[in-house]
Amino acid sequence: MAKKILIIEDEKILRELLSAKLLREGYDVETAKDGAEGLRVTQEVRPDLVLLDIFMPKLSGFEVLEILRNDVQLRNIPVIVISNSGQPSELEQAKDLGAIDVLIKTAFDPQEVIDKIARQIGR
């Protein structure tokens, strides 16, 4: 059975690019366009891993991380944060809230995402 990845990202182009790449790699993919929708989808589908943007409408990635970490049933889902800014304080905050890894939008290629996911949950 394919591993399920949830992409919570408000930028449609990036969400679609990552989704297409993950599907080609054999993952099952769900997407959400904001933090509130992402939280709801996480609760419904219990993904094997979440790719989470930080700055989004409705709930920020920081708020989503905090809610996930305080939920007994969801706290062990690995989360890789996707950040626009790469500010050290933001990256540290994401890791303090439980993110297992961080990607900077301007500095990664889709293969890097696949490699990080594969290291965490396999293919």
C-alpha atoms as a PDB file:
ATOM      1  CA  MET A   1       0.000   0.000   0.000  1.00  0.00           C
ATOM      2  CA  ALA A   2       1.331   3.422  -0.959  1.00  0.00           C
ATOM      3  CA  LYS A   3       2.451   5.819   1.745  1.00  0.00           C
ATOM      4  CA  LYS A   4       0.138   8.827   2.066  1.00  0.00           C
ATOM      5  CA  ILE A   5       1.560  12.357   1.929  1.00  0.00           C
ATOM      6  CA  LEU A   6      -0.462  15.468   2.767  1.00  0.00           C
ATOM      7  CA  ILE A   7       0.719  18.732   1.206  1.00  0.00           C
ATOM      8  CA  ILE A   8      -0.558  21.814   3.065  1.00  0.00           C
ATOM      9  CA  GLU A   9       0.452  24.711   0.836  1.00  0.00           C
ATOM     10  CA  ASP A  10      -1.420  27.848  -0.219  1.00  0.00           C
ATOM     11  CA  GLU A  11       0.607  28.430  -3.411  1.00  0.00           C
ATOM     12  CA  LYS A  12      -1.321  26.479  -6.037  1.00  0.00           C
ATOM     13  CA  ILE A  13       1.596  26.031  -8.458  1.00  0.00           C
ATOM     14  CA  LEU A  14       3.916  24.625  -5.793  1.00  0.00           C
ATOM     15  CA  ARG A  15       1.144  22.411  -4.392  1.00  0.00           C
ATOM     16  CA  GLU A  16       0.474  20.970  -7.865  1.00  0.00           C
ATOM     17  CA  LEU A  17       4.180  20.566  -8.691  1.00  0.00           C
ATOM     18  CA  LEU A  18       4.894  18.660  -5.462  1.00  0.00           C
ATOM     19  CA  SER A  19       1.734  16.590  -5.832  1.00  0.00           C
ATOM     20  CA  ALA A  20       2.605  15.541  -9.400  1.00  0.00           C
ATOM     21  CA  LYS A  21       6.180  14.634  -8.413  1.00  0.00           C
ATOM     22  CA  LEU A  22       5.050  12.582  -5.406  1.00  0.00           C
ATOM     23  CA  LEU A  23       2.400  10.772  -7.446  1.00  0.00           C
ATOM     24  CA  ARG A  24       5.045   9.830 -10.050  1.00  0.00           C
ATOM     25  CA  GLU A  25       7.185   8.462  -7.206  1.00  0.00           C
ATOM     26  CA  GLY A  26       4.330   6.171  -6.157  1.00  0.00           C
ATOM     27  CA  TYR A  27       3.008   8.026  -3.116  1.00  0.00           C
ATOM     28  CA  ASP A  28      -0.682   8.584  -2.407  1.00  0.00           C
ATOM     29  CA  VAL A  29      -1.172  12.368  -2.188  1.00  0.00           C
ATOM     30  CA  GLU A  30      -3.742  14.602  -0.514  1.00  0.00           C
ATOM     31  CA  THR A  31      -3.581  18.390  -0.660  1.00  0.00           C
ATOM     32  CA  ALA A  32      -4.946  21.323   1.313  1.00  0.00           C
ATOM     33  CA  LYS A  33      -4.790  25.015   0.440  1.00  0.00           C
ATOM     34  CA  ASP A  34      -4.711  26.486   3.956  1.00  0.00           C
ATOM     35  CA  GLY A  35      -3.942  25.540   7.529  1.00  0.00           C
ATOM     36  CA  ALA A  36      -7.524  24.921   8.638  1.00  0.00           C
ATOM     37  CA  GLU A  37      -8.248  22.626   5.688  1.00  0.00           C
ATOM     38  CA  GLY A  38      -4.908  20.896   6.237  1.00  0.00           C
ATOM     39  CA  LEU A  39      -5.714  20.192   9.863  1.00  0.00           C
ATOM     40  CA  ARG A  40      -9.112  18.758   8.914  1.00  0.00           C
ATOM     41  CA  VAL A  41      -7.583  16.531   6.208  1.00  0.00           C
ATOM     42  CA  THR A  42      -4.872  15.368   8.641  1.00  0.00           C
ATOM     43  CA  GLN A  43      -7.550  14.302  11.117  1.00  0.00           C
ATOM     44  CA  GLU A  44      -9.551  12.524   8.392  1.00  0.00           C
ATOM     45  CA  VAL A  45      -6.856  10.668   6.442  1.00  0.00           C
ATOM     46  CA  ARG A  46      -4.001  10.296   8.977  1.00  0.00           C
ATOM     47  CA  PRO A  47      -1.193  10.733   6.445  1.00  0.00           C
ATOM     48  CA  ASP A  48       2.195   9.059   6.846  1.00  0.00           C
ATOM     49  CA  LEU A  49       3.883  12.462   6.448  1.00  0.00           C
ATOM     50  CA  VAL A  50       2.880  16.135   6.096  1.00  0.00           C
ATOM     51  CA  LEU A  51       4.601  18.777   3.961  1.00  0.00           C
ATOM     52  CA  LEU A  52       3.613  22.022   5.671  1.00  0.00           C
ATOM     53  CA  ASP A  53       3.937  25.624   4.543  1.00  0.00           C
ATOM     54  CA  ILE A  54       4.447  28.199   7.312  1.00  0.00           C
ATOM     55  CA  PHE A  55       2.665  31.326   6.092  1.00  0.00           C
ATOM     56  CA  MET A  56      -0.899  30.463   5.046  1.00  0.00           C
ATOM     57  CA  PRO A  57      -4.438  31.741   5.454  1.00  0.00           C
ATOM     58  CA  LYS A  58      -6.734  30.664   8.309  1.00  0.00           C
ATOM     59  CA  LEU A  59      -4.081  28.831  10.366  1.00  0.00           C
ATOM     60  CA  SER A  60      -0.341  29.279  10.004  1.00  0.00           C
ATOM     61  CA  GLY A  61       1.993  26.330   9.776  1.00  0.00           C
ATOM     62  CA  PHE A  62       3.153  27.122  13.308  1.00  0.00           C
ATOM     63  CA  GLU A  63      -0.440  26.889  14.574  1.00  0.00           C
ATOM     64  CA  VAL A  64      -0.983  23.613  12.697  1.00  0.00           C
ATOM     65  CA  LEU A  65       2.226  22.164  14.178  1.00  0.00           C
ATOM     66  CA  GLU A  66       1.189  23.171  17.674  1.00  0.00           C
ATOM     67  CA  ILE A  67      -2.261  21.595  17.301  1.00  0.00           C
ATOM     68  CA  LEU A  68      -0.786  18.388  15.840  1.00  0.00           C
ATOM     69  CA  ARG A  69       1.779  18.065  18.633  1.00  0.00           C
ATOM     70  CA  ASN A  70      -0.933  18.461  21.284  1.00  0.00           C
ATOM     71  CA  ASP A  71      -3.158  15.780  19.703  1.00  0.00           C
ATOM     72  CA  VAL A  72      -2.361  12.312  21.040  1.00  0.00           C
ATOM     73  CA  GLN A  73      -3.530  10.633  17.822  1.00  0.00           C
ATOM     74  CA  LEU A  74      -1.666  12.953  15.426  1.00  0.00           C
ATOM     75  CA  ARG A  75       1.527  13.968  17.259  1.00  0.00           C
ATOM     76  CA  ASN A  76       3.692  11.232  15.755  1.00  0.00           C
ATOM     77  CA  ILE A  77       3.005  12.131  12.120  1.00  0.00           C
ATOM     78  CA  PRO A  78       6.304  13.433  10.703  1.00  0.00           C
ATOM     79  CA  VAL A  79       6.124  16.998   9.402  1.00  0.00           C
ATOM     80  CA  ILE A  80       8.543  18.624   6.954  1.00  0.00           C
ATOM     81  CA  VAL A  81       8.136  22.390   6.898  1.00  0.00           C
ATOM     82  CA  ILE A  82       8.367  24.367   3.653  1.00  0.00           C
ATOM     83  CA  SER A  83       9.408  27.945   4.395  1.00  0.00           C
ATOM     84  CA  ASN A  84       9.554  31.026   2.185  1.00  0.00           C
ATOM     85  CA  SER A  85      11.986  33.008   4.259  1.00  0.00           C
ATOM     86  CA  GLY A  86      14.499  30.658   5.785  1.00  0.00           C
ATOM     87  CA  GLN A  87      14.948  32.986   8.774  1.00  0.00           C
ATOM     88  CA  PRO A  88      16.857  31.038  11.451  1.00  0.00           C
ATOM     89  CA  SER A  89      14.327  32.030  14.134  1.00  0.00           C
ATOM     90  CA  GLU A  90      11.430  30.637  12.053  1.00  0.00           C
ATOM     91  CA  LEU A  91      13.262  27.409  11.287  1.00  0.00           C
ATOM     92  CA  GLU A  92      14.156  26.985  14.951  1.00  0.00           C
ATOM     93  CA  GLN A  93      10.537  27.624  15.967  1.00  0.00           C
ATOM     94  CA  ALA A  94       9.321  25.013  13.459  1.00  0.00           C
ATOM     95  CA  LYS A  95      11.758  22.439  14.841  1.00  0.00           C
ATOM     96  CA  ASP A  96      10.835  23.352  18.431  1.00  0.00           C
ATOM     97  CA  LEU A  97       7.210  22.647  17.505  1.00  0.00           C
ATOM     98  CA  GLY A  98       8.152  19.210  16.200  1.00  0.00           C
ATOM     99  CA  ALA A  99       9.048  19.587  12.519  1.00  0.00           C
ATOM    100  CA  ILE A 100      11.531  16.861  11.561  1.00  0.00           C
ATOM    101  CA  ASP A 101      13.046  18.822   8.696  1.00  0.00           C
ATOM    102  CA  VAL A 102      12.814  22.130   6.856  1.00  0.00           C
ATOM    103  CA  LEU A 103      12.956  23.054   3.166  1.00  0.00           C
ATOM    104  CA  ILE A 104      13.482  26.588   1.901  1.00  0.00           C
ATOM    105  CA  LYS A 105      11.231  27.236  -1.112  1.00  0.00           C
ATOM    106  CA  THR A 106      13.775  29.259  -3.040  1.00  0.00           C
ATOM    107  CA  ALA A 107      16.559  26.729  -2.497  1.00  0.00           C
ATOM    108  CA  PHE A 108      15.113  23.255  -3.058  1.00  0.00           C
ATOM    109  CA  ASP A 109      14.326  21.135  -6.060  1.00  0.00           C
ATOM    110  CA  PRO A 110      11.524  18.552  -6.076  1.00  0.00           C
ATOM    111  CA  GLN A 111      13.999  15.660  -5.925  1.00  0.00           C
ATOM    112  CA  GLU A 112      15.269  16.982  -2.584  1.00  0.00           C
ATOM    113  CA  VAL A 113      11.712  16.739  -1.248  1.00  0.00           C
ATOM    114  CA  ILE A 114      11.447  13.129  -2.457  1.00  0.00           C
ATOM    115  CA  ASP A 115      14.795  12.258  -0.850  1.00  0.00           C
ATOM    116  CA  LYS A 116      13.805  13.786   2.502  1.00  0.00           C
ATOM    117  CA  ILE A 117      10.453  11.973   2.470  1.00  0.00           C
ATOM    118  CA  ALA A 118      12.059   8.657   1.537  1.00  0.00           C
ATOM    119  CA  ARG A 119      14.513   9.023   4.437  1.00  0.00           C
ATOM    120  CA  GLN A 120      11.631   9.531   6.859  1.00  0.00           C
ATOM    121  CA  ILE A 121       8.997   7.029   5.712  1.00  0.00           C
ATOM    122  CA  GLY A 122      10.451   5.040   2.825  1.00  0.00           C
ATOM    123  CA  ARG A 123       8.971   4.734  -0.633  1.00  0.00           C
END
